[in-house]
Amino acid sequence: MFDSDKDGAINFHEFSALWNYINQWTHCFRSFDKDSSGNIDKNELSMALTQFGYTLSSTFVDLLMLKFDRSHTHRVNFDDFIQLCVVLQTLTASFRDKDLDRDGIITIGYEEFLTMVFTCNI
């Protein structure tokens, strides 16, 4: 995701970009973890993702909770939140590579879809 030159390593510039994202994600998580429990619920997750510019349906946020609430507490802890953000960022970048006219719609074949997913390194 942050290996922008695809050389299999992260150089200083790429690491700086990664560090910046981690700091943003940390700040966002803490701002929605009002009780400092180390967890956020579905509504807080939805608001956090909206703050990052994502417009996601309640049904999709439910799917994210199902996938990333590994403790099955109806809450996402910080580690799971970071993983969720990495996956969402990676898939979004892959989608945007195909969305040439930036209308939020892509038309791809099945194998191209599979290639897109399997090359995301998530």
C-alpha atoms as a PDB file:
ATOM      1  CA  MET A   1       0.000   0.000   0.000  1.00  0.00           C
ATOM      2  CA  PHE A   2       2.766   2.454   0.849  1.00  0.00           C
ATOM      3  CA  ASP A   3       5.423   0.860  -1.374  1.00  0.00           C
ATOM      4  CA  SER A   4       4.622   3.356  -4.122  1.00  0.00           C
ATOM      5  CA  ASP A   5       7.514   2.335  -6.376  1.00  0.00           C
ATOM      6  CA  LYS A   6       6.621  -1.377  -5.927  1.00  0.00           C
ATOM      7  CA  ASP A   7      10.216  -2.390  -5.188  1.00  0.00           C
ATOM      8  CA  GLY A   8       9.276  -4.611  -2.247  1.00  0.00           C
ATOM      9  CA  ALA A   9      10.674  -2.217   0.357  1.00  0.00           C
ATOM     10  CA  ILE A  10       9.545   0.969   2.040  1.00  0.00           C
ATOM     11  CA  ASN A  11      11.996   3.844   1.695  1.00  0.00           C
ATOM     12  CA  PHE A  12      12.103   6.872   3.985  1.00  0.00           C
ATOM     13  CA  HIS A  13       9.612   8.878   1.906  1.00  0.00           C
ATOM     14  CA  GLU A  14       7.162   5.955   1.810  1.00  0.00           C
ATOM     15  CA  PHE A  15       7.604   5.348   5.539  1.00  0.00           C
ATOM     16  CA  SER A  16       6.883   9.029   6.206  1.00  0.00           C
ATOM     17  CA  ALA A  17       3.604   8.693   4.295  1.00  0.00           C
ATOM     18  CA  LEU A  18       2.744   5.561   6.289  1.00  0.00           C
ATOM     19  CA  TRP A  19       3.592   7.288   9.575  1.00  0.00           C
ATOM     20  CA  ASN A  20       1.370  10.225   8.621  1.00  0.00           C
ATOM     21  CA  TYR A  21      -1.572   7.887   7.975  1.00  0.00           C
ATOM     22  CA  ILE A  22      -1.018   6.040  11.253  1.00  0.00           C
ATOM     23  CA  ASN A  23      -0.977   9.342  13.136  1.00  0.00           C
ATOM     24  CA  GLN A  24      -4.215  10.437  11.437  1.00  0.00           C
ATOM     25  CA  TRP A  25      -5.867   7.101  12.200  1.00  0.00           C
ATOM     26  CA  THR A  26      -4.677   7.236  15.826  1.00  0.00           C
ATOM     27  CA  HIS A  27      -5.991  10.768  16.324  1.00  0.00           C
ATOM     28  CA  CYS A  28      -9.305   9.874  14.689  1.00  0.00           C
ATOM     29  CA  PHE A  29      -9.729   6.719  16.782  1.00  0.00           C
ATOM     30  CA  ARG A  30      -8.986   8.560  20.015  1.00  0.00           C
ATOM     31  CA  SER A  31     -11.387  11.363  19.154  1.00  0.00           C
ATOM     32  CA  PHE A  32     -14.246   8.848  18.817  1.00  0.00           C
ATOM     33  CA  ASP A  33     -13.200   6.647  21.763  1.00  0.00           C
ATOM     34  CA  LYS A  34     -14.850   9.038  24.223  1.00  0.00           C
ATOM     35  CA  ASP A  35     -14.545   6.751  27.251  1.00  0.00           C
ATOM     36  CA  SER A  36     -10.892   5.835  26.478  1.00  0.00           C
ATOM     37  CA  SER A  37     -11.841   2.149  26.534  1.00  0.00           C
ATOM     38  CA  GLY A  38      -9.686   1.347  23.523  1.00  0.00           C
ATOM     39  CA  ASN A  39     -12.811   0.418  21.546  1.00  0.00           C
ATOM     40  CA  ILE A  40     -15.339   2.143  19.306  1.00  0.00           C
ATOM     41  CA  ASP A  41     -18.838   0.976  18.433  1.00  0.00           C
ATOM     42  CA  LYS A  42     -20.545   0.863  15.044  1.00  0.00           C
ATOM     43  CA  ASN A  43     -21.826   4.448  15.171  1.00  0.00           C
ATOM     44  CA  GLU A  44     -18.427   5.776  16.229  1.00  0.00           C
ATOM     45  CA  LEU A  45     -16.775   3.741  13.467  1.00  0.00           C
ATOM     46  CA  SER A  46     -19.192   5.152  10.926  1.00  0.00           C
ATOM     47  CA  MET A  47     -18.471   8.715  12.088  1.00  0.00           C
ATOM     48  CA  ALA A  48     -14.713   8.066  12.034  1.00  0.00           C
ATOM     49  CA  LEU A  49     -14.842   6.766   8.468  1.00  0.00           C
ATOM     50  CA  THR A  50     -17.008   9.719   7.453  1.00  0.00           C
ATOM     51  CA  GLN A  51     -14.337  12.007   8.902  1.00  0.00           C
ATOM     52  CA  PHE A  52     -11.865  10.319   6.532  1.00  0.00           C
ATOM     53  CA  GLY A  53     -14.153  11.112   3.602  1.00  0.00           C
ATOM     54  CA  TYR A  54     -15.877   7.761   3.154  1.00  0.00           C
ATOM     55  CA  THR A  55     -19.624   7.712   2.499  1.00  0.00           C
ATOM     56  CA  LEU A  56     -20.655   4.197   3.484  1.00  0.00           C
ATOM     57  CA  SER A  57     -24.081   2.690   4.052  1.00  0.00           C
ATOM     58  CA  SER A  58     -25.126   1.353   7.429  1.00  0.00           C
ATOM     59  CA  THR A  59     -25.257  -2.112   5.851  1.00  0.00           C
ATOM     60  CA  PHE A  60     -21.635  -1.822   4.745  1.00  0.00           C
ATOM     61  CA  VAL A  61     -20.537  -0.595   8.185  1.00  0.00           C
ATOM     62  CA  ASP A  62     -22.312  -3.674   9.598  1.00  0.00           C
ATOM     63  CA  LEU A  63     -20.175  -5.791   7.264  1.00  0.00           C
ATOM     64  CA  LEU A  64     -17.023  -4.022   8.450  1.00  0.00           C
ATOM     65  CA  MET A  65     -18.025  -4.682  12.056  1.00  0.00           C
ATOM     66  CA  LEU A  66     -18.614  -8.349  11.268  1.00  0.00           C
ATOM     67  CA  LYS A  67     -15.207  -8.614   9.598  1.00  0.00           C
ATOM     68  CA  PHE A  68     -13.091  -6.543  12.003  1.00  0.00           C
ATOM     69  CA  ASP A  69     -14.773  -7.063  15.407  1.00  0.00           C
ATOM     70  CA  ARG A  70     -12.617 -10.105  16.115  1.00  0.00           C
ATOM     71  CA  SER A  71     -13.482 -10.103  19.828  1.00  0.00           C
ATOM     72  CA  HIS A  72     -17.229 -10.261  18.994  1.00  0.00           C
ATOM     73  CA  THR A  73     -18.074  -7.429  21.402  1.00  0.00           C
ATOM     74  CA  HIS A  74     -19.869  -5.213  18.852  1.00  0.00           C
ATOM     75  CA  ARG A  75     -16.893  -2.892  19.172  1.00  0.00           C
ATOM     76  CA  VAL A  76     -13.643  -2.474  17.227  1.00  0.00           C
ATOM     77  CA  ASN A  77     -10.389  -2.127  19.142  1.00  0.00           C
ATOM     78  CA  PHE A  78      -7.522   0.084  17.980  1.00  0.00           C
ATOM     79  CA  ASP A  79      -5.527  -2.692  16.269  1.00  0.00           C
ATOM     80  CA  ASP A  80      -8.601  -3.848  14.362  1.00  0.00           C
ATOM     81  CA  PHE A  81      -9.385  -0.239  13.441  1.00  0.00           C
ATOM     82  CA  ILE A  82      -5.898   0.204  11.964  1.00  0.00           C
ATOM     83  CA  GLN A  83      -6.269  -3.034  10.004  1.00  0.00           C
ATOM     84  CA  LEU A  84      -9.706  -1.935   8.791  1.00  0.00           C
ATOM     85  CA  CYS A  85      -8.279   1.415   7.662  1.00  0.00           C
ATOM     86  CA  VAL A  86      -5.382  -0.251   5.826  1.00  0.00           C
ATOM     87  CA  VAL A  87      -7.739  -2.624   4.002  1.00  0.00           C
ATOM     88  CA  LEU A  88     -10.211   0.142   3.159  1.00  0.00           C
ATOM     89  CA  GLN A  89      -7.420   2.459   1.971  1.00  0.00           C
ATOM     90  CA  THR A  90      -5.835  -0.292  -0.148  1.00  0.00           C
ATOM     91  CA  LEU A  91      -9.102  -1.337  -1.784  1.00  0.00           C
ATOM     92  CA  THR A  92     -10.081   2.296  -2.362  1.00  0.00           C
ATOM     93  CA  ALA A  93      -6.750   3.026  -4.058  1.00  0.00           C
ATOM     94  CA  SER A  94      -7.172  -0.044  -6.256  1.00  0.00           C
ATOM     95  CA  PHE A  95     -10.715   1.031  -7.157  1.00  0.00           C
ATOM     96  CA  ARG A  96      -9.588   4.577  -7.959  1.00  0.00           C
ATOM     97  CA  ASP A  97      -6.934   3.223 -10.323  1.00  0.00           C
ATOM     98  CA  LYS A  98      -9.801   1.795 -12.405  1.00  0.00           C
ATOM     99  CA  ASP A  99     -12.226   4.722 -11.946  1.00  0.00           C
ATOM    100  CA  LEU A 100     -10.699   6.878 -14.665  1.00  0.00           C
ATOM    101  CA  ASP A 101     -13.562   9.377 -14.891  1.00  0.00           C
ATOM    102  CA  ARG A 102     -13.928   9.556 -11.079  1.00  0.00           C
ATOM    103  CA  ASP A 103     -17.663   8.880 -11.070  1.00  0.00           C
ATOM    104  CA  GLY A 104     -17.507   6.128  -8.439  1.00  0.00           C
ATOM    105  CA  ILE A 105     -18.337   3.394 -10.951  1.00  0.00           C
ATOM    106  CA  ILE A 106     -16.039   0.906 -12.657  1.00  0.00           C
ATOM    107  CA  THR A 107     -16.760  -1.804 -15.192  1.00  0.00           C
ATOM    108  CA  ILE A 108     -14.364  -4.721 -15.010  1.00  0.00           C
ATOM    109  CA  GLY A 109     -14.416  -8.386 -15.874  1.00  0.00           C
ATOM    110  CA  TYR A 110     -14.356 -11.164 -13.306  1.00  0.00           C
ATOM    111  CA  GLU A 111     -10.677 -12.013 -13.762  1.00  0.00           C
ATOM    112  CA  GLU A 112      -9.711  -8.335 -13.623  1.00  0.00           C
ATOM    113  CA  PHE A 113     -11.685  -8.052 -10.368  1.00  0.00           C
ATOM    114  CA  LEU A 114      -9.866 -11.061  -8.919  1.00  0.00           C
ATOM    115  CA  THR A 115      -6.529  -9.652 -10.051  1.00  0.00           C
ATOM    116  CA  MET A 116      -7.395  -6.327  -8.453  1.00  0.00           C
ATOM    117  CA  VAL A 117      -8.271  -7.986  -5.129  1.00  0.00           C
ATOM    118  CA  PHE A 118      -5.365 -10.427  -5.031  1.00  0.00           C
ATOM    119  CA  THR A 119      -2.764  -7.787  -5.893  1.00  0.00           C
ATOM    120  CA  CYS A 120      -3.891  -5.532  -3.043  1.00  0.00           C
ATOM    121  CA  ASN A 121      -1.636  -7.332  -0.530  1.00  0.00           C
ATOM    122  CA  ILE A 122      -4.213  -7.245   2.245  1.00  0.00           C
END
